[in-house]
């Protein structure tokens, strides 16, 4: 199932498919370690538009709601 990062629930593993936006958002997410084809897991979903806490490359990263809506992901099976 393909959706956006901000719609995922807690403990949901996914793969980043695409980042919608310009150079600046791609650069910012790249610095946080978020790139297409990376695997991540949602640790905590933001309440009422708050940040989404994910685990990617063994690191916990907070992604703001505005960026999370631009990250297209595909839900994967738990491994």
PDB file of N, CA and C in Angstrom:
ATOM      1  N   UNK A   1       0.842  -1.173   0.000  1.00  0.00           N
ATOM      2  CA  UNK A   1       0.000   0.000   0.000  1.00  0.00           C
ATOM      3  C   UNK A   1       0.894   1.245   0.000  1.00  0.00           C
ATOM      4  N   UNK A   2       0.623   2.159  -0.892  1.00  0.00           N
ATOM      5  CA  UNK A   2       1.399   3.404  -0.980  1.00  0.00           C
ATOM      6  C   UNK A   2       0.592   4.533  -0.351  1.00  0.00           C
ATOM      7  N   UNK A   3       1.253   5.296   0.516  1.00  0.00           N
ATOM      8  CA  UNK A   3       0.612   6.397   1.235  1.00  0.00           C
ATOM      9  C   UNK A   3       1.684   7.435   1.556  1.00  0.00           C
ATOM     10  N   UNK A   4       1.372   8.365   2.436  1.00  0.00           N
ATOM     11  CA  UNK A   4       2.380   9.337   2.870  1.00  0.00           C
ATOM     12  C   UNK A   4       2.799   9.017   4.300  1.00  0.00           C
ATOM     13  N   UNK A   5       3.969   9.490   4.679  1.00  0.00           N
ATOM     14  CA  UNK A   5       4.528   9.196   5.993  1.00  0.00           C
ATOM     15  C   UNK A   5       3.612   9.653   7.122  1.00  0.00           C
ATOM     16  N   UNK A   6       2.980  10.796   6.981  1.00  0.00           N
ATOM     17  CA  UNK A   6       2.163  11.331   8.064  1.00  0.00           C
ATOM     18  C   UNK A   6       0.904  10.513   8.320  1.00  0.00           C
ATOM     19  N   UNK A   7       0.516   9.633   7.414  1.00  0.00           N
ATOM     20  CA  UNK A   7      -0.685   8.815   7.591  1.00  0.00           C
ATOM     21  C   UNK A   7      -0.399   7.463   8.235  1.00  0.00           C
ATOM     22  N   UNK A   8       0.870   7.116   8.402  1.00  0.00           N
ATOM     23  CA  UNK A   8       1.217   5.821   8.970  1.00  0.00           C
ATOM     24  C   UNK A   8       1.002   5.796  10.475  1.00  0.00           C
ATOM     25  N   UNK A   9       0.658   4.613  10.970  1.00  0.00           N
ATOM     26  CA  UNK A   9       0.470   4.434  12.405  1.00  0.00           C
ATOM     27  C   UNK A   9       1.752   3.927  13.047  1.00  0.00           C
ATOM     28  N   UNK A  10       1.760   3.918  14.364  1.00  0.00           N
ATOM     29  CA  UNK A  10       2.920   3.494  15.148  1.00  0.00           C
ATOM     30  C   UNK A  10       3.338   2.066  14.796  1.00  0.00           C
ATOM     31  N   UNK A  11       4.643   1.810  14.830  1.00  0.00           N
ATOM     32  CA  UNK A  11       5.257   0.504  14.559  1.00  0.00           C
ATOM     33  C   UNK A  11       5.005  -0.007  13.154  1.00  0.00           C
ATOM     34  N   UNK A  12       4.800   0.897  12.211  1.00  0.00           N
ATOM     35  CA  UNK A  12       4.574   0.517  10.825  1.00  0.00           C
ATOM     36  C   UNK A  12       5.874   0.633  10.039  1.00  0.00           C
ATOM     37  N   UNK A  13       6.374  -0.491   9.497  1.00  0.00           N
ATOM     38  CA  UNK A  13       7.572  -0.423   8.660  1.00  0.00           C
ATOM     39  C   UNK A  13       7.188   0.000   7.241  1.00  0.00           C
ATOM     40  N   UNK A  14       8.067   0.743   6.584  1.00  0.00           N
ATOM     41  CA  UNK A  14       7.783   1.221   5.235  1.00  0.00           C
ATOM     42  C   UNK A  14       9.090   1.495   4.501  1.00  0.00           C
ATOM     43  N   UNK A  15       8.971   1.669   3.181  1.00  0.00           N
ATOM     44  CA  UNK A  15      10.094   2.027   2.327  1.00  0.00           C
ATOM     45  C   UNK A  15       9.754   3.354   1.668  1.00  0.00           C
ATOM     46  N   UNK A  16      10.705   4.288   1.687  1.00  0.00           N
ATOM     47  CA  UNK A  16      10.510   5.585   1.039  1.00  0.00           C
ATOM     48  C   UNK A  16      10.492   5.361  -0.471  1.00  0.00           C
ATOM     49  N   UNK A  17       9.427   5.786  -1.122  1.00  0.00           N
ATOM     50  CA  UNK A  17       9.310   5.645  -2.571  1.00  0.00           C
ATOM     51  C   UNK A  17       9.692   6.926  -3.300  1.00  0.00           C
ATOM     52  N   UNK A  18       9.212   8.049  -2.793  1.00  0.00           N
ATOM     53  CA  UNK A  18       9.451   9.314  -3.483  1.00  0.00           C
ATOM     54  C   UNK A  18       9.321  10.461  -2.498  1.00  0.00           C
ATOM     55  N   UNK A  19      10.079  11.517  -2.756  1.00  0.00           N
ATOM     56  CA  UNK A  19       9.965  12.738  -1.966  1.00  0.00           C
ATOM     57  C   UNK A  19       9.454  13.823  -2.903  1.00  0.00           C
ATOM     58  N   UNK A  20       8.276  14.337  -2.596  1.00  0.00           N
ATOM     59  CA  UNK A  20       7.671  15.378  -3.417  1.00  0.00           C
ATOM     60  C   UNK A  20       8.127  16.737  -2.908  1.00  0.00           C
ATOM     61  N   UNK A  21       8.682  17.530  -3.768  1.00  0.00           N
ATOM     62  CA  UNK A  21       9.138  18.852  -3.367  1.00  0.00           C
ATOM     63  C   UNK A  21      10.404  19.220  -4.115  1.00  0.00           C
ATOM     64  N   UNK A  22      10.887  20.385  -3.814  1.00  0.00           N
ATOM     65  CA  UNK A  22      12.056  20.910  -4.492  1.00  0.00           C
ATOM     66  C   UNK A  22      13.369  20.493  -3.868  1.00  0.00           C
ATOM     67  N   UNK A  23      14.405  21.150  -4.327  1.00  0.00           N
ATOM     68  CA  UNK A  23      15.766  20.843  -3.898  1.00  0.00           C
ATOM     69  C   UNK A  23      15.957  21.011  -2.391  1.00  0.00           C
ATOM     70  N   UNK A  24      15.389  22.068  -1.840  1.00  0.00           N
ATOM     71  CA  UNK A  24      15.601  22.362  -0.417  1.00  0.00           C
ATOM     72  C   UNK A  24      15.053  21.258   0.494  1.00  0.00           C
ATOM     73  N   UNK A  25      13.843  20.772   0.220  1.00  0.00           N
ATOM     74  CA  UNK A  25      13.283  19.722   1.078  1.00  0.00           C
ATOM     75  C   UNK A  25      14.048  18.416   0.907  1.00  0.00           C
ATOM     76  N   UNK A  26      14.472  18.117  -0.312  1.00  0.00           N
ATOM     77  CA  UNK A  26      15.267  16.905  -0.546  1.00  0.00           C
ATOM     78  C   UNK A  26      16.609  16.995   0.174  1.00  0.00           C
ATOM     79  N   UNK A  27      17.205  18.170   0.159  1.00  0.00           N
ATOM     80  CA  UNK A  27      18.482  18.381   0.824  1.00  0.00           C
ATOM     81  C   UNK A  27      18.322  18.242   2.346  1.00  0.00           C
ATOM     82  N   UNK A  28      17.294  18.851   2.892  1.00  0.00           N
ATOM     83  CA  UNK A  28      17.050  18.774   4.336  1.00  0.00           C
ATOM     84  C   UNK A  28      16.812  17.339   4.774  1.00  0.00           C
ATOM     85  N   UNK A  29      15.952  16.624   4.057  1.00  0.00           N
ATOM     86  CA  UNK A  29      15.681  15.228   4.403  1.00  0.00           C
ATOM     87  C   UNK A  29      16.913  14.362   4.195  1.00  0.00           C
ATOM     88  N   UNK A  30      17.712  14.673   3.178  1.00  0.00           N
ATOM     89  CA  UNK A  30      18.949  13.934   2.944  1.00  0.00           C
ATOM     90  C   UNK A  30      19.911  14.059   4.111  1.00  0.00           C
ATOM     91  N   UNK A  31      19.980  15.246   4.691  1.00  0.00           N
ATOM     92  CA  UNK A  31      20.834  15.454   5.871  1.00  0.00           C
ATOM     93  C   UNK A  31      20.340  14.659   7.072  1.00  0.00           C
ATOM     94  N   UNK A  32      19.029  14.416   7.112  1.00  0.00           N
ATOM     95  CA  UNK A  32      18.452  13.614   8.198  1.00  0.00           C
ATOM     96  C   UNK A  32      18.560  12.114   7.920  1.00  0.00           C
ATOM     97  N   UNK A  33      19.038  11.766   6.720  1.00  0.00           N
ATOM     98  CA  UNK A  33      19.211  10.360   6.364  1.00  0.00           C
ATOM     99  C   UNK A  33      18.024   9.750   5.658  1.00  0.00           C
ATOM    100  N   UNK A  34      17.105  10.560   5.162  1.00  0.00           N
ATOM    101  CA  UNK A  34      15.907  10.062   4.491  1.00  0.00           C
ATOM    102  C   UNK A  34      16.091  10.211   2.979  1.00  0.00           C
ATOM    103  N   UNK A  35      16.163   9.064   2.299  1.00  0.00           N
ATOM    104  CA  UNK A  35      16.354   9.032   0.851  1.00  0.00           C
ATOM    105  C   UNK A  35      15.403   8.004   0.252  1.00  0.00           C
ATOM    106  N   UNK A  36      15.084   8.123  -1.034  1.00  0.00           N
ATOM    107  CA  UNK A  36      14.277   7.085  -1.685  1.00  0.00           C
ATOM    108  C   UNK A  36      14.945   5.712  -1.542  1.00  0.00           C
ATOM    109  N   UNK A  37      14.133   4.697  -1.362  1.00  0.00           N
ATOM    110  CA  UNK A  37      14.516   3.289  -1.176  1.00  0.00           C
ATOM    111  C   UNK A  37      15.013   2.965   0.232  1.00  0.00           C
ATOM    112  N   UNK A  38      15.048   3.942   1.147  1.00  0.00           N
ATOM    113  CA  UNK A  38      15.425   3.664   2.532  1.00  0.00           C
ATOM    114  C   UNK A  38      14.258   3.032   3.276  1.00  0.00           C
ATOM    115  N   UNK A  39      14.593   2.127   4.200  1.00  0.00           N
ATOM    116  CA  UNK A  39      13.583   1.492   5.055  1.00  0.00           C
ATOM    117  C   UNK A  39      13.494   2.273   6.360  1.00  0.00           C
ATOM    118  N   UNK A  40      12.269   2.450   6.835  1.00  0.00           N
ATOM    119  CA  UNK A  40      12.057   3.165   8.091  1.00  0.00           C
ATOM    120  C   UNK A  40      10.901   2.525   8.855  1.00  0.00           C
ATOM    121  N   UNK A  41      10.803   2.874  10.122  1.00  0.00           N
ATOM    122  CA  UNK A  41       9.703   2.428  10.968  1.00  0.00           C
ATOM    123  C   UNK A  41       9.181   3.630  11.734  1.00  0.00           C
ATOM    124  N   UNK A  42       7.868   3.780  11.773  1.00  0.00           N
ATOM    125  CA  UNK A  42       7.255   4.870  12.528  1.00  0.00           C
ATOM    126  C   UNK A  42       7.243   4.477  14.009  1.00  0.00           C
ATOM    127  N   UNK A  43       7.857   5.301  14.844  1.00  0.00           N
ATOM    128  CA  UNK A  43       7.880   5.057  16.284  1.00  0.00           C
ATOM    129  C   UNK A  43       6.735   5.770  16.989  1.00  0.00           C
ATOM    130  N   UNK A  44       6.423   6.964  16.507  1.00  0.00           N
ATOM    131  CA  UNK A  44       5.332   7.734  17.100  1.00  0.00           C
ATOM    132  C   UNK A  44       4.783   8.660  16.037  1.00  0.00           C
ATOM    133  N   UNK A  45       3.488   8.665  15.928  1.00  0.00           N
ATOM    134  CA  UNK A  45       2.840   9.516  14.941  1.00  0.00           C
ATOM    135  C   UNK A  45       2.395  10.799  15.617  1.00  0.00           C
ATOM    136  N   UNK A  46       2.598  11.913  14.939  1.00  0.00           N
ATOM    137  CA  UNK A  46       2.241  13.203  15.507  1.00  0.00           C
ATOM    138  C   UNK A  46       0.747  13.342  15.725  1.00  0.00           C
ATOM    139  N   UNK A  47       0.378  13.916  16.842  1.00  0.00           N
ATOM    140  CA  UNK A  47      -1.024  14.139  17.171  1.00  0.00           C
ATOM    141  C   UNK A  47      -1.406  15.551  16.748  1.00  0.00           C
ATOM    142  N   UNK A  48      -2.475  15.669  15.993  1.00  0.00           N
ATOM    143  CA  UNK A  48      -2.977  16.963  15.503  1.00  0.00           C
ATOM    144  C   UNK A  48      -1.908  17.757  14.751  1.00  0.00           C
ATOM    145  N   UNK A  49      -1.216  17.088  13.850  1.00  0.00           N
ATOM    146  CA  UNK A  49      -0.245  17.772  13.010  1.00  0.00           C
ATOM    147  C   UNK A  49       1.141  17.923  13.606  1.00  0.00           C
ATOM    148  N   UNK A  50       1.406  17.257  14.715  1.00  0.00           N
ATOM    149  CA  UNK A  50       2.731  17.326  15.324  1.00  0.00           C
ATOM    150  C   UNK A  50       3.736  16.486  14.566  1.00  0.00           C
ATOM    151  N   UNK A  51       4.977  16.426  15.044  1.00  0.00           N
ATOM    152  CA  UNK A  51       6.013  15.684  14.337  1.00  0.00           C
ATOM    153  C   UNK A  51       5.797  14.173  14.362  1.00  0.00           C
ATOM    154  N   UNK A  52       6.387  13.508  13.374  1.00  0.00           N
ATOM    155  CA  UNK A  52       6.364  12.057  13.266  1.00  0.00           C
ATOM    156  C   UNK A  52       7.764  11.576  13.619  1.00  0.00           C
ATOM    157  N   UNK A  53       7.868  10.689  14.605  1.00  0.00           N
ATOM    158  CA  UNK A  53       9.164  10.152  15.017  1.00  0.00           C
ATOM    159  C   UNK A  53       9.379   8.834  14.288  1.00  0.00           C
ATOM    160  N   UNK A  54      10.496   8.734  13.540  1.00  0.00           N
ATOM    161  CA  UNK A  54      10.788   7.523  12.791  1.00  0.00           C
ATOM    162  C   UNK A  54      12.152   6.984  13.190  1.00  0.00           C
ATOM    163  N   UNK A  55      12.361   5.710  12.891  1.00  0.00           N
ATOM    164  CA  UNK A  55      13.690   5.115  13.032  1.00  0.00           C
ATOM    165  C   UNK A  55      14.168   4.790  11.626  1.00  0.00           C
ATOM    166  N   UNK A  56      15.319   5.326  11.274  1.00  0.00           N
ATOM    167  CA  UNK A  56      15.891   5.102   9.953  1.00  0.00           C
ATOM    168  C   UNK A  56      17.398   4.963  10.117  1.00  0.00           C
ATOM    169  N   UNK A  57      17.979   3.926   9.562  1.00  0.00           N
ATOM    170  CA  UNK A  57      19.414   3.643   9.685  1.00  0.00           C
ATOM    171  C   UNK A  57      19.846   3.550  11.149  1.00  0.00           C
ATOM    172  N   UNK A  58      18.969   3.029  12.010  1.00  0.00           N
ATOM    173  CA  UNK A  58      19.295   2.861  13.420  1.00  0.00           C
ATOM    174  C   UNK A  58      19.256   4.131  14.247  1.00  0.00           C
ATOM    175  N   UNK A  59      18.749   5.214  13.683  1.00  0.00           N
ATOM    176  CA  UNK A  59      18.679   6.497  14.364  1.00  0.00           C
ATOM    177  C   UNK A  59      17.243   6.987  14.426  1.00  0.00           C
ATOM    178  N   UNK A  60      16.872   7.592  15.546  1.00  0.00           N
ATOM    179  CA  UNK A  60      15.542   8.185  15.669  1.00  0.00           C
ATOM    180  C   UNK A  60      15.577   9.612  15.130  1.00  0.00           C
ATOM    181  N   UNK A  61      14.610   9.908  14.251  1.00  0.00           N
ATOM    182  CA  UNK A  61      14.557  11.218  13.606  1.00  0.00           C
ATOM    183  C   UNK A  61      13.132  11.742  13.686  1.00  0.00           C
ATOM    184  N   UNK A  62      12.982  13.007  14.049  1.00  0.00           N
ATOM    185  CA  UNK A  62      11.670  13.658  14.067  1.00  0.00           C
ATOM    186  C   UNK A  62      11.458  14.405  12.758  1.00  0.00           C
ATOM    187  N   UNK A  63      10.338  14.131  12.108  1.00  0.00           N
ATOM    188  CA  UNK A  63       9.997  14.786  10.848  1.00  0.00           C
ATOM    189  C   UNK A  63       8.734  15.613  11.078  1.00  0.00           C
ATOM    190  N   UNK A  64       8.794  16.886  10.777  1.00  0.00           N
ATOM    191  CA  UNK A  64       7.627  17.754  10.934  1.00  0.00           C
ATOM    192  C   UNK A  64       6.496  17.343  10.000  1.00  0.00           C
ATOM    193  N   UNK A  65       5.287  17.690  10.383  1.00  0.00           N
ATOM    194  CA  UNK A  65       4.094  17.337   9.613  1.00  0.00           C
ATOM    195  C   UNK A  65       4.184  17.850   8.173  1.00  0.00           C
ATOM    196  N   UNK A  66       4.677  19.060   7.986  1.00  0.00           N
ATOM    197  CA  UNK A  66       4.790  19.641   6.650  1.00  0.00           C
ATOM    198  C   UNK A  66       5.699  18.846   5.728  1.00  0.00           C
ATOM    199  N   UNK A  67       6.739  18.250   6.277  1.00  0.00           N
ATOM    200  CA  UNK A  67       7.632  17.408   5.475  1.00  0.00           C
ATOM    201  C   UNK A  67       7.071  16.008   5.333  1.00  0.00           C
ATOM    202  N   UNK A  68       6.455  15.496   6.386  1.00  0.00           N
ATOM    203  CA  UNK A  68       5.927  14.131   6.367  1.00  0.00           C
ATOM    204  C   UNK A  68       4.866  13.939   5.283  1.00  0.00           C
ATOM    205  N   UNK A  69       4.096  14.976   4.985  1.00  0.00           N
ATOM    206  CA  UNK A  69       3.066  14.842   3.946  1.00  0.00           C
ATOM    207  C   UNK A  69       3.690  14.760   2.554  1.00  0.00           C
ATOM    208  N   UNK A  70       4.954  15.139   2.419  1.00  0.00           N
ATOM    209  CA  UNK A  70       5.633  15.112   1.121  1.00  0.00           C
ATOM    210  C   UNK A  70       6.433  13.835   0.876  1.00  0.00           C
ATOM    211  N   UNK A  71       6.494  12.959   1.885  1.00  0.00           N
ATOM    212  CA  UNK A  71       7.255  11.716   1.759  1.00  0.00           C
ATOM    213  C   UNK A  71       6.295  10.575   1.438  1.00  0.00           C
ATOM    214  N   UNK A  72       6.406  10.060   0.222  1.00  0.00           N
ATOM    215  CA  UNK A  72       5.563   8.947  -0.211  1.00  0.00           C
ATOM    216  C   UNK A  72       6.263   7.644   0.168  1.00  0.00           C
ATOM    217  N   UNK A  73       5.527   6.764   0.856  1.00  0.00           N
ATOM    218  CA  UNK A  73       6.096   5.510   1.331  1.00  0.00           C
ATOM    219  C   UNK A  73       5.214   4.339   0.923  1.00  0.00           C
ATOM    220  N   UNK A  74       5.834   3.151   0.916  1.00  0.00           N
ATOM    221  CA  UNK A  74       5.093   1.923   0.692  1.00  0.00           C
ATOM    222  C   UNK A  74       5.222   1.077   1.944  1.00  0.00           C
ATOM    223  N   UNK A  75       4.102   0.679   2.515  1.00  0.00           N
ATOM    224  CA  UNK A  75       4.088  -0.143   3.730  1.00  0.00           C
ATOM    225  C   UNK A  75       4.629  -1.519   3.382  1.00  0.00           C
ATOM    226  N   UNK A  76       5.511  -2.042   4.240  1.00  0.00           N
ATOM    227  CA  UNK A  76       6.107  -3.360   4.046  1.00  0.00           C
ATOM    228  C   UNK A  76       5.709  -4.267   5.201  1.00  0.00           C
ATOM    229  N   UNK A  77       5.999  -5.528   5.045  1.00  0.00           N
ATOM    230  CA  UNK A  77       5.753  -6.490   6.112  1.00  0.00           C
ATOM    231  C   UNK A  77       6.794  -6.333   7.203  1.00  0.00           C
ATOM    232  N   UNK A  78       6.411  -6.588   8.439  1.00  0.00           N
ATOM    233  CA  UNK A  78       7.366  -6.537   9.554  1.00  0.00           C
ATOM    234  C   UNK A  78       8.410  -7.621   9.358  1.00  0.00           C
ATOM    235  N   UNK A  79       9.661  -7.266   9.649  1.00  0.00           N
ATOM    236  CA  UNK A  79      10.730  -8.261   9.479  1.00  0.00           C
ATOM    237  C   UNK A  79      11.365  -8.611  10.795  1.00  0.00           C
TER     238      UNK A  79
END
